[in-house]
């Protein structure tokens, strides 16, 4: 049982490191994909604990991730089709162009 915590630490550190990689992304789809990897690291950390709360938390996070990431990829595609770019630096001020997308 004590070895589980070693794996939990590895997964959580991996999730934090991938989250730091997300801060440097300029491509919208790459940002969403890297955040998915970070979420999966946290889910695996919860599953490895083999406790009731770890399993419930992982289940909740994976359901929320499935709903949110598909919506984010849909919004990224809508943004790409309307503006012609997935770069965050080019798409600044998106609220002015498409206020309905921010709801």
PDB file of N, CA and C in Angstrom:
ATOM      1  N   UNK A   1       0.826  -1.191   0.000  1.00  0.00           N
ATOM      2  CA  UNK A   1       0.000   0.000   0.000  1.00  0.00           C
ATOM      3  C   UNK A   1       0.867   1.250   0.000  1.00  0.00           C
ATOM      4  N   UNK A   2       2.025   1.189   0.629  1.00  0.00           N
ATOM      5  CA  UNK A   2       2.879   2.374   0.686  1.00  0.00           C
ATOM      6  C   UNK A   2       3.474   2.713  -0.677  1.00  0.00           C
ATOM      7  N   UNK A   3       3.595   1.699  -1.546  1.00  0.00           N
ATOM      8  CA  UNK A   3       4.132   1.971  -2.871  1.00  0.00           C
ATOM      9  C   UNK A   3       3.142   2.748  -3.733  1.00  0.00           C
ATOM     10  N   UNK A   4       1.864   2.677  -3.399  1.00  0.00           N
ATOM     11  CA  UNK A   4       0.863   3.438  -4.151  1.00  0.00           C
ATOM     12  C   UNK A   4       1.135   4.930  -4.076  1.00  0.00           C
ATOM     13  N   UNK A   5       1.588   5.398  -2.933  1.00  0.00           N
ATOM     14  CA  UNK A   5       1.811   6.830  -2.771  1.00  0.00           C
ATOM     15  C   UNK A   5       2.981   7.326  -3.610  1.00  0.00           C
ATOM     16  N   UNK A   6       3.936   6.444  -3.890  1.00  0.00           N
ATOM     17  CA  UNK A   6       5.025   6.816  -4.799  1.00  0.00           C
ATOM     18  C   UNK A   6       4.456   7.070  -6.187  1.00  0.00           C
ATOM     19  N   UNK A   7       3.582   6.181  -6.650  1.00  0.00           N
ATOM     20  CA  UNK A   7       2.969   6.351  -7.964  1.00  0.00           C
ATOM     21  C   UNK A   7       2.032   7.551  -8.001  1.00  0.00           C
ATOM     22  N   UNK A   8       1.346   7.805  -6.903  1.00  0.00           N
ATOM     23  CA  UNK A   8       0.469   8.978  -6.834  1.00  0.00           C
ATOM     24  C   UNK A   8       1.293  10.243  -6.975  1.00  0.00           C
ATOM     25  N   UNK A   9       2.415  10.308  -6.294  1.00  0.00           N
ATOM     26  CA  UNK A   9       3.282  11.491  -6.401  1.00  0.00           C
ATOM     27  C   UNK A   9       3.794  11.676  -7.815  1.00  0.00           C
ATOM     28  N   UNK A  10       4.190  10.575  -8.448  1.00  0.00           N
ATOM     29  CA  UNK A  10       4.685  10.665  -9.828  1.00  0.00           C
ATOM     30  C   UNK A  10       3.591  11.190 -10.751  1.00  0.00           C
ATOM     31  N   UNK A  11       2.377  10.697 -10.594  1.00  0.00           N
ATOM     32  CA  UNK A  11       1.265  11.146 -11.440  1.00  0.00           C
ATOM     33  C   UNK A  11       0.933  12.617 -11.193  1.00  0.00           C
ATOM     34  N   UNK A  12       0.921  13.020  -9.942  1.00  0.00           N
ATOM     35  CA  UNK A  12       0.575  14.411  -9.636  1.00  0.00           C
ATOM     36  C   UNK A  12       1.662  15.372 -10.102  1.00  0.00           C
ATOM     37  N   UNK A  13       2.925  14.983  -9.942  1.00  0.00           N
ATOM     38  CA  UNK A  13       4.015  15.827 -10.442  1.00  0.00           C
ATOM     39  C   UNK A  13       3.941  15.916 -11.963  1.00  0.00           C
ATOM     40  N   UNK A  14       3.620  14.796 -12.623  1.00  0.00           N
ATOM     41  CA  UNK A  14       3.448  14.819 -14.076  1.00  0.00           C
ATOM     42  C   UNK A  14       2.315  15.735 -14.497  1.00  0.00           C
ATOM     43  N   UNK A  15       1.213  15.703 -13.749  1.00  0.00           N
ATOM     44  CA  UNK A  15       0.094  16.594 -14.057  1.00  0.00           C
ATOM     45  C   UNK A  15       0.459  18.055 -13.899  1.00  0.00           C
ATOM     46  N   UNK A  16       1.233  18.363 -12.861  1.00  0.00           N
ATOM     47  CA  UNK A  16       1.658  19.752 -12.641  1.00  0.00           C
ATOM     48  C   UNK A  16       2.631  20.190 -13.732  1.00  0.00           C
ATOM     49  N   UNK A  17       3.564  19.317 -14.120  1.00  0.00           N
ATOM     50  CA  UNK A  17       4.523  19.679 -15.168  1.00  0.00           C
ATOM     51  C   UNK A  17       3.830  19.905 -16.509  1.00  0.00           C
ATOM     52  N   UNK A  18       2.874  19.061 -16.834  1.00  0.00           N
ATOM     53  CA  UNK A  18       2.131  19.257 -18.081  1.00  0.00           C
ATOM     54  C   UNK A  18       1.298  20.534 -18.011  1.00  0.00           C
ATOM     55  N   UNK A  19       0.795  20.873 -16.829  1.00  0.00           N
ATOM     56  CA  UNK A  19       0.061  22.136 -16.672  1.00  0.00           C
ATOM     57  C   UNK A  19       0.970  23.327 -16.927  1.00  0.00           C
ATOM     58  N   UNK A  20       2.229  23.213 -16.530  1.00  0.00           N
ATOM     59  CA  UNK A  20       3.187  24.283 -16.823  1.00  0.00           C
ATOM     60  C   UNK A  20       3.471  24.372 -18.319  1.00  0.00           C
ATOM     61  N   UNK A  21       3.469  23.236 -19.004  1.00  0.00           N
ATOM     62  CA  UNK A  21       3.630  23.241 -20.461  1.00  0.00           C
ATOM     63  C   UNK A  21       2.436  23.947 -21.108  1.00  0.00           C
ATOM     64  N   UNK A  22       1.256  23.776 -20.528  1.00  0.00           N
ATOM     65  CA  UNK A  22       0.048  24.438 -21.054  1.00  0.00           C
ATOM     66  C   UNK A  22       0.184  25.955 -21.034  1.00  0.00           C
ATOM     67  N   UNK A  23       0.884  26.475 -20.048  1.00  0.00           N
ATOM     68  CA  UNK A  23       1.036  27.928 -19.950  1.00  0.00           C
ATOM     69  C   UNK A  23       1.840  28.508 -21.105  1.00  0.00           C
ATOM     70  N   UNK A  24       2.640  27.683 -21.784  1.00  0.00           N
ATOM     71  CA  UNK A  24       3.477  28.159 -22.876  1.00  0.00           C
ATOM     72  C   UNK A  24       2.877  27.915 -24.258  1.00  0.00           C
ATOM     73  N   UNK A  25       1.712  27.328 -24.334  1.00  0.00           N
ATOM     74  CA  UNK A  25       1.120  26.987 -25.619  1.00  0.00           C
ATOM     75  C   UNK A  25       0.491  28.213 -26.273  1.00  0.00           C
ATOM     76  N   UNK A  26       0.670  28.309 -27.575  1.00  0.00           N
ATOM     77  CA  UNK A  26       0.026  29.380 -28.332  1.00  0.00           C
ATOM     78  C   UNK A  26      -1.034  28.833 -29.289  1.00  0.00           C
ATOM     79  N   UNK A  27      -1.018  27.524 -29.529  1.00  0.00           N
ATOM     80  CA  UNK A  27      -2.010  26.900 -30.395  1.00  0.00           C
ATOM     81  C   UNK A  27      -3.182  26.425 -29.543  1.00  0.00           C
ATOM     82  N   UNK A  28      -4.381  26.766 -29.955  1.00  0.00           N
ATOM     83  CA  UNK A  28      -5.565  26.495 -29.144  1.00  0.00           C
ATOM     84  C   UNK A  28      -5.825  24.997 -28.977  1.00  0.00           C
ATOM     85  N   UNK A  29      -5.706  24.232 -30.058  1.00  0.00           N
ATOM     86  CA  UNK A  29      -5.963  22.792 -29.954  1.00  0.00           C
ATOM     87  C   UNK A  29      -4.870  22.087 -29.160  1.00  0.00           C
ATOM     88  N   UNK A  30      -3.631  22.521 -29.292  1.00  0.00           N
ATOM     89  CA  UNK A  30      -2.548  21.928 -28.500  1.00  0.00           C
ATOM     90  C   UNK A  30      -2.748  22.221 -27.022  1.00  0.00           C
ATOM     91  N   UNK A  31      -3.240  23.406 -26.707  1.00  0.00           N
ATOM     92  CA  UNK A  31      -3.524  23.754 -25.315  1.00  0.00           C
ATOM     93  C   UNK A  31      -4.590  22.832 -24.729  1.00  0.00           C
ATOM     94  N   UNK A  32      -5.632  22.576 -25.479  1.00  0.00           N
ATOM     95  CA  UNK A  32      -6.694  21.690 -25.005  1.00  0.00           C
ATOM     96  C   UNK A  32      -6.167  20.261 -24.862  1.00  0.00           C
ATOM     97  N   UNK A  33      -5.343  19.818 -25.804  1.00  0.00           N
ATOM     98  CA  UNK A  33      -4.803  18.458 -25.740  1.00  0.00           C
ATOM     99  C   UNK A  33      -3.869  18.282 -24.545  1.00  0.00           C
ATOM    100  N   UNK A  34      -2.991  19.253 -24.301  1.00  0.00           N
ATOM    101  CA  UNK A  34      -2.094  19.151 -23.147  1.00  0.00           C
ATOM    102  C   UNK A  34      -2.866  19.207 -21.833  1.00  0.00           C
ATOM    103  N   UNK A  35      -3.926  19.998 -21.796  1.00  0.00           N
ATOM    104  CA  UNK A  35      -4.721  20.025 -20.564  1.00  0.00           C
ATOM    105  C   UNK A  35      -5.436  18.691 -20.353  1.00  0.00           C
ATOM    106  N   UNK A  36      -5.778  17.996 -21.434  1.00  0.00           N
ATOM    107  CA  UNK A  36      -6.358  16.660 -21.306  1.00  0.00           C
ATOM    108  C   UNK A  36      -5.360  15.690 -20.690  1.00  0.00           C
ATOM    109  N   UNK A  37      -4.109  15.785 -21.099  1.00  0.00           N
ATOM    110  CA  UNK A  37      -3.067  14.921 -20.531  1.00  0.00           C
ATOM    111  C   UNK A  37      -2.890  15.219 -19.046  1.00  0.00           C
ATOM    112  N   UNK A  38      -2.943  16.486 -18.674  1.00  0.00           N
ATOM    113  CA  UNK A  38      -2.818  16.851 -17.257  1.00  0.00           C
ATOM    114  C   UNK A  38      -3.987  16.298 -16.451  1.00  0.00           C
ATOM    115  N   UNK A  39      -5.187  16.351 -17.014  1.00  0.00           N
ATOM    116  CA  UNK A  39      -6.351  15.806 -16.315  1.00  0.00           C
ATOM    117  C   UNK A  39      -6.230  14.294 -16.127  1.00  0.00           C
ATOM    118  N   UNK A  40      -5.744  13.609 -17.134  1.00  0.00           N
ATOM    119  CA  UNK A  40      -5.609  12.155 -17.033  1.00  0.00           C
ATOM    120  C   UNK A  40      -4.574  11.788 -15.977  1.00  0.00           C
ATOM    121  N   UNK A  41      -3.511  12.583 -15.843  1.00  0.00           N
ATOM    122  CA  UNK A  41      -2.537  12.334 -14.779  1.00  0.00           C
ATOM    123  C   UNK A  41      -3.162  12.440 -13.404  1.00  0.00           C
ATOM    124  N   UNK A  42      -4.029  13.405 -13.222  1.00  0.00           N
ATOM    125  CA  UNK A  42      -4.706  13.569 -11.932  1.00  0.00           C
ATOM    126  C   UNK A  42      -5.709  12.435 -11.709  1.00  0.00           C
ATOM    127  N   UNK A  43      -6.393  12.011 -12.764  1.00  0.00           N
ATOM    128  CA  UNK A  43      -7.335  10.893 -12.644  1.00  0.00           C
ATOM    129  C   UNK A  43      -6.598   9.617 -12.246  1.00  0.00           C
ATOM    130  N   UNK A  44      -5.467   9.351 -12.889  1.00  0.00           N
ATOM    131  CA  UNK A  44      -4.704   8.154 -12.539  1.00  0.00           C
ATOM    132  C   UNK A  44      -4.175   8.228 -11.117  1.00  0.00           C
ATOM    133  N   UNK A  45      -3.792   9.421 -10.680  1.00  0.00           N
ATOM    134  CA  UNK A  45      -3.361   9.577  -9.289  1.00  0.00           C
ATOM    135  C   UNK A  45      -4.464   9.223  -8.314  1.00  0.00           C
ATOM    136  N   UNK A  46      -5.679   9.605  -8.625  1.00  0.00           N
ATOM    137  CA  UNK A  46      -6.810   9.259  -7.766  1.00  0.00           C
ATOM    138  C   UNK A  46      -7.145   7.783  -7.800  1.00  0.00           C
ATOM    139  N   UNK A  47      -7.023   7.166  -8.981  1.00  0.00           N
ATOM    140  CA  UNK A  47      -7.319   5.737  -9.091  1.00  0.00           C
ATOM    141  C   UNK A  47      -6.300   4.882  -8.346  1.00  0.00           C
ATOM    142  N   UNK A  48      -5.056   5.303  -8.363  1.00  0.00           N
ATOM    143  CA  UNK A  48      -3.998   4.514  -7.735  1.00  0.00           C
ATOM    144  C   UNK A  48      -4.116   4.519  -6.215  1.00  0.00           C
ATOM    145  N   UNK A  49      -4.796   5.502  -5.641  1.00  0.00           N
ATOM    146  CA  UNK A  49      -4.947   5.505  -4.182  1.00  0.00           C
ATOM    147  C   UNK A  49      -5.766   4.321  -3.693  1.00  0.00           C
ATOM    148  N   UNK A  50      -6.627   3.779  -4.555  1.00  0.00           N
ATOM    149  CA  UNK A  50      -7.474   2.625  -4.221  1.00  0.00           C
ATOM    150  C   UNK A  50      -8.357   2.878  -3.008  1.00  0.00           C
ATOM    151  N   UNK A  51      -8.792   4.129  -2.864  1.00  0.00           N
ATOM    152  CA  UNK A  51      -9.730   4.467  -1.801  1.00  0.00           C
ATOM    153  C   UNK A  51     -11.059   4.860  -2.432  1.00  0.00           C
ATOM    154  N   UNK A  52     -12.089   4.893  -1.620  1.00  0.00           N
ATOM    155  CA  UNK A  52     -13.417   5.254  -2.101  1.00  0.00           C
ATOM    156  C   UNK A  52     -13.424   6.677  -2.654  1.00  0.00           C
ATOM    157  N   UNK A  53     -12.850   7.618  -1.909  1.00  0.00           N
ATOM    158  CA  UNK A  53     -12.860   9.018  -2.340  1.00  0.00           C
ATOM    159  C   UNK A  53     -11.976   9.233  -3.561  1.00  0.00           C
ATOM    160  N   UNK A  54     -10.886   8.499  -3.652  1.00  0.00           N
ATOM    161  CA  UNK A  54     -10.038   8.600  -4.836  1.00  0.00           C
ATOM    162  C   UNK A  54     -10.752   8.120  -6.086  1.00  0.00           C
ATOM    163  N   UNK A  55     -11.484   7.010  -5.951  1.00  0.00           N
ATOM    164  CA  UNK A  55     -12.231   6.483  -7.090  1.00  0.00           C
ATOM    165  C   UNK A  55     -13.394   7.393  -7.470  1.00  0.00           C
ATOM    166  N   UNK A  56     -14.102   7.924  -6.461  1.00  0.00           N
ATOM    167  CA  UNK A  56     -15.220   8.842  -6.749  1.00  0.00           C
ATOM    168  C   UNK A  56     -14.724  10.128  -7.404  1.00  0.00           C
ATOM    169  N   UNK A  57     -13.628  10.657  -6.900  1.00  0.00           N
ATOM    170  CA  UNK A  57     -13.069  11.879  -7.479  1.00  0.00           C
ATOM    171  C   UNK A  57     -12.587  11.661  -8.898  1.00  0.00           C
ATOM    172  N   UNK A  58     -11.943  10.522  -9.154  1.00  0.00           N
ATOM    173  CA  UNK A  58     -11.471  10.217 -10.505  1.00  0.00           C
ATOM    174  C   UNK A  58     -12.634  10.042 -11.467  1.00  0.00           C
ATOM    175  N   UNK A  59     -13.670   9.370 -11.007  1.00  0.00           N
ATOM    176  CA  UNK A  59     -14.853   9.168 -11.844  1.00  0.00           C
ATOM    177  C   UNK A  59     -15.510  10.504 -12.185  1.00  0.00           C
ATOM    178  N   UNK A  60     -15.641  11.356 -11.194  1.00  0.00           N
ATOM    179  CA  UNK A  60     -16.248  12.671 -11.419  1.00  0.00           C
ATOM    180  C   UNK A  60     -15.410  13.505 -12.379  1.00  0.00           C
ATOM    181  N   UNK A  61     -14.094  13.482 -12.193  1.00  0.00           N
ATOM    182  CA  UNK A  61     -13.216  14.281 -13.048  1.00  0.00           C
ATOM    183  C   UNK A  61     -13.214  13.764 -14.476  1.00  0.00           C
ATOM    184  N   UNK A  62     -13.264  12.460 -14.674  1.00  0.00           N
ATOM    185  CA  UNK A  62     -13.237  11.935 -16.036  1.00  0.00           C
ATOM    186  C   UNK A  62     -14.552  12.224 -16.766  1.00  0.00           C
ATOM    187  N   UNK A  63     -15.679  12.215 -16.048  1.00  0.00           N
ATOM    188  CA  UNK A  63     -16.957  12.586 -16.669  1.00  0.00           C
ATOM    189  C   UNK A  63     -16.940  14.071 -17.041  1.00  0.00           C
ATOM    190  N   UNK A  64     -16.496  14.913 -16.111  1.00  0.00           N
ATOM    191  CA  UNK A  64     -16.425  16.354 -16.385  1.00  0.00           C
ATOM    192  C   UNK A  64     -15.445  16.645 -17.514  1.00  0.00           C
ATOM    193  N   UNK A  65     -14.342  15.923 -17.548  1.00  0.00           N
ATOM    194  CA  UNK A  65     -13.351  16.126 -18.602  1.00  0.00           C
ATOM    195  C   UNK A  65     -13.921  15.746 -19.968  1.00  0.00           C
ATOM    196  N   UNK A  66     -14.652  14.646 -20.014  1.00  0.00           N
ATOM    197  CA  UNK A  66     -15.248  14.232 -21.283  1.00  0.00           C
ATOM    198  C   UNK A  66     -16.237  15.246 -21.821  1.00  0.00           C
ATOM    199  N   UNK A  67     -17.018  15.830 -20.946  1.00  0.00           N
ATOM    200  CA  UNK A  67     -17.993  16.835 -21.381  1.00  0.00           C
ATOM    201  C   UNK A  67     -17.315  18.146 -21.773  1.00  0.00           C
ATOM    202  N   UNK A  68     -16.388  18.598 -20.952  1.00  0.00           N
ATOM    203  CA  UNK A  68     -15.768  19.907 -21.186  1.00  0.00           C
ATOM    204  C   UNK A  68     -14.791  19.896 -22.358  1.00  0.00           C
ATOM    205  N   UNK A  69     -13.975  18.848 -22.475  1.00  0.00           N
ATOM    206  CA  UNK A  69     -12.979  18.858 -23.543  1.00  0.00           C
ATOM    207  C   UNK A  69     -13.629  18.748 -24.916  1.00  0.00           C
ATOM    208  N   UNK A  70     -14.698  17.985 -25.037  1.00  0.00           N
ATOM    209  CA  UNK A  70     -15.377  17.926 -26.333  1.00  0.00           C
ATOM    210  C   UNK A  70     -15.978  19.283 -26.688  1.00  0.00           C
ATOM    211  N   UNK A  71     -16.527  19.976 -25.695  1.00  0.00           N
ATOM    212  CA  UNK A  71     -17.039  21.324 -25.937  1.00  0.00           C
ATOM    213  C   UNK A  71     -15.936  22.306 -26.293  1.00  0.00           C
ATOM    214  N   UNK A  72     -14.789  22.175 -25.641  1.00  0.00           N
ATOM    215  CA  UNK A  72     -13.667  23.066 -25.949  1.00  0.00           C
ATOM    216  C   UNK A  72     -13.137  22.830 -27.360  1.00  0.00           C
ATOM    217  N   UNK A  73     -13.040  21.571 -27.783  1.00  0.00           N
ATOM    218  CA  UNK A  73     -12.605  21.297 -29.156  1.00  0.00           C
ATOM    219  C   UNK A  73     -13.621  21.825 -30.163  1.00  0.00           C
ATOM    220  N   UNK A  74     -14.897  21.752 -29.843  1.00  0.00           N
ATOM    221  CA  UNK A  74     -15.931  22.306 -30.723  1.00  0.00           C
ATOM    222  C   UNK A  74     -15.782  23.825 -30.841  1.00  0.00           C
ATOM    223  N   UNK A  75     -15.578  24.496 -29.707  1.00  0.00           N
ATOM    224  CA  UNK A  75     -15.388  25.950 -29.744  1.00  0.00           C
ATOM    225  C   UNK A  75     -14.102  26.340 -30.461  1.00  0.00           C
ATOM    226  N   UNK A  76     -13.053  25.530 -30.309  1.00  0.00           N
ATOM    227  CA  UNK A  76     -11.805  25.808 -31.019  1.00  0.00           C
ATOM    228  C   UNK A  76     -12.011  25.696 -32.524  1.00  0.00           C
ATOM    229  N   UNK A  77     -12.803  24.731 -32.957  1.00  0.00           N
ATOM    230  CA  UNK A  77     -13.078  24.579 -34.382  1.00  0.00           C
ATOM    231  C   UNK A  77     -13.935  25.727 -34.905  1.00  0.00           C
ATOM    232  N   UNK A  78     -14.922  26.151 -34.128  1.00  0.00           N
ATOM    233  CA  UNK A  78     -15.749  27.294 -34.540  1.00  0.00           C
ATOM    234  C   UNK A  78     -14.888  28.546 -34.670  1.00  0.00           C
ATOM    235  N   UNK A  79     -13.999  28.745 -33.714  1.00  0.00           N
ATOM    236  CA  UNK A  79     -13.097  29.897 -33.764  1.00  0.00           C
ATOM    237  C   UNK A  79     -12.196  29.824 -34.985  1.00  0.00           C
ATOM    238  N   UNK A  80     -11.677  28.635 -35.280  1.00  0.00           N
ATOM    239  CA  UNK A  80     -10.803  28.471 -36.442  1.00  0.00           C
ATOM    240  C   UNK A  80     -11.550  28.729 -37.743  1.00  0.00           C
ATOM    241  N   UNK A  81     -12.780  28.252 -37.842  1.00  0.00           N
ATOM    242  CA  UNK A  81     -13.549  28.448 -39.070  1.00  0.00           C
ATOM    243  C   UNK A  81     -13.891  29.913 -39.299  1.00  0.00           C
ATOM    244  N   UNK A  82     -14.155  30.652 -38.238  1.00  0.00           N
ATOM    245  CA  UNK A  82     -14.556  32.057 -38.400  1.00  0.00           C
ATOM    246  C   UNK A  82     -13.378  33.001 -38.538  1.00  0.00           C
ATOM    247  N   UNK A  83     -12.289  32.721 -37.819  1.00  0.00           N
ATOM    248  CA  UNK A  83     -11.158  33.645 -37.824  1.00  0.00           C
ATOM    249  C   UNK A  83      -9.982  33.164 -38.661  1.00  0.00           C
ATOM    250  N   UNK A  84      -9.933  31.867 -38.972  1.00  0.00           N
ATOM    251  CA  UNK A  84      -8.884  31.350 -39.836  1.00  0.00           C
ATOM    252  C   UNK A  84      -7.565  31.070 -39.142  1.00  0.00           C
ATOM    253  N   UNK A  85      -7.542  31.080 -37.830  1.00  0.00           N
ATOM    254  CA  UNK A  85      -6.297  30.819 -37.108  1.00  0.00           C
ATOM    255  C   UNK A  85      -6.607  30.187 -35.757  1.00  0.00           C
ATOM    256  N   UNK A  86      -5.682  29.320 -35.317  1.00  0.00           N
ATOM    257  CA  UNK A  86      -5.805  28.723 -33.989  1.00  0.00           C
ATOM    258  C   UNK A  86      -4.826  29.350 -33.003  1.00  0.00           C
ATOM    259  N   UNK A  87      -4.056  30.317 -33.444  1.00  0.00           N
ATOM    260  CA  UNK A  87      -3.055  30.942 -32.577  1.00  0.00           C
ATOM    261  C   UNK A  87      -3.730  31.873 -31.582  1.00  0.00           C
ATOM    262  N   UNK A  88      -3.339  31.748 -30.316  1.00  0.00           N
ATOM    263  CA  UNK A  88      -3.932  32.592 -29.277  1.00  0.00           C
ATOM    264  C   UNK A  88      -3.509  34.048 -29.424  1.00  0.00           C
ATOM    265  N   UNK A  89      -2.310  34.276 -29.926  1.00  0.00           N
ATOM    266  CA  UNK A  89      -1.828  35.651 -30.067  1.00  0.00           C
ATOM    267  C   UNK A  89      -2.579  36.408 -31.155  1.00  0.00           C
ATOM    268  N   UNK A  90      -3.018  35.705 -32.177  1.00  0.00           N
ATOM    269  CA  UNK A  90      -3.768  36.343 -33.260  1.00  0.00           C
ATOM    270  C   UNK A  90      -5.225  36.548 -32.861  1.00  0.00           C
ATOM    271  N   UNK A  91      -5.765  35.632 -32.065  1.00  0.00           N
ATOM    272  CA  UNK A  91      -7.182  35.667 -31.707  1.00  0.00           C
ATOM    273  C   UNK A  91      -7.453  36.451 -30.433  1.00  0.00           C
ATOM    274  N   UNK A  92      -6.575  37.343 -30.047  1.00  0.00           N
ATOM    275  CA  UNK A  92      -6.841  38.156 -28.860  1.00  0.00           C
ATOM    276  C   UNK A  92      -8.044  39.055 -29.119  1.00  0.00           C
ATOM    277  N   UNK A  93      -8.777  39.365 -28.091  1.00  0.00           N
ATOM    278  CA  UNK A  93      -9.955  40.205 -28.243  1.00  0.00           C
ATOM    279  C   UNK A  93     -11.120  39.469 -28.870  1.00  0.00           C
ATOM    280  N   UNK A  94     -11.203  38.172 -28.610  1.00  0.00           N
ATOM    281  CA  UNK A  94     -12.252  37.351 -29.204  1.00  0.00           C
ATOM    282  C   UNK A  94     -13.639  37.776 -28.748  1.00  0.00           C
ATOM    283  N   UNK A  95     -13.724  38.346 -27.566  1.00  0.00           N
ATOM    284  CA  UNK A  95     -15.009  38.805 -27.038  1.00  0.00           C
ATOM    285  C   UNK A  95     -15.613  39.885 -27.933  1.00  0.00           C
ATOM    286  N   UNK A  96     -14.785  40.706 -28.546  1.00  0.00           N
ATOM    287  CA  UNK A  96     -15.292  41.762 -29.422  1.00  0.00           C
ATOM    288  C   UNK A  96     -15.842  41.206 -30.738  1.00  0.00           C
ATOM    289  N   UNK A  97     -15.227  40.123 -31.244  1.00  0.00           N
ATOM    290  CA  UNK A  97     -15.654  39.557 -32.524  1.00  0.00           C
ATOM    291  C   UNK A  97     -16.851  38.628 -32.384  1.00  0.00           C
ATOM    292  N   UNK A  98     -16.811  37.772 -31.356  1.00  0.00           N
ATOM    293  CA  UNK A  98     -17.869  36.776 -31.172  1.00  0.00           C
ATOM    294  C   UNK A  98     -18.309  36.755 -29.714  1.00  0.00           C
ATOM    295  N   UNK A  99     -19.171  37.669 -29.308  1.00  0.00           N
ATOM    296  CA  UNK A  99     -19.588  37.681 -27.900  1.00  0.00           C
ATOM    297  C   UNK A  99     -20.406  36.459 -27.501  1.00  0.00           C
ATOM    298  N   UNK A 100     -21.077  35.818 -28.449  1.00  0.00           N
ATOM    299  CA  UNK A 100     -21.905  34.656 -28.102  1.00  0.00           C
ATOM    300  C   UNK A 100     -21.070  33.441 -27.728  1.00  0.00           C
ATOM    301  N   UNK A 101     -19.820  33.384 -28.151  1.00  0.00           N
ATOM    302  CA  UNK A 101     -18.976  32.225 -27.867  1.00  0.00           C
ATOM    303  C   UNK A 101     -18.492  32.213 -26.419  1.00  0.00           C
ATOM    304  N   UNK A 102     -18.611  33.317 -25.734  1.00  0.00           N
ATOM    305  CA  UNK A 102     -18.111  33.402 -24.362  1.00  0.00           C
ATOM    306  C   UNK A 102     -19.149  33.001 -23.325  1.00  0.00           C
ATOM    307  N   UNK A 103     -20.348  32.661 -23.746  1.00  0.00           N
ATOM    308  CA  UNK A 103     -21.400  32.286 -22.797  1.00  0.00           C
ATOM    309  C   UNK A 103     -21.173  30.952 -22.178  1.00  0.00           C
TER     310      UNK A 103
END
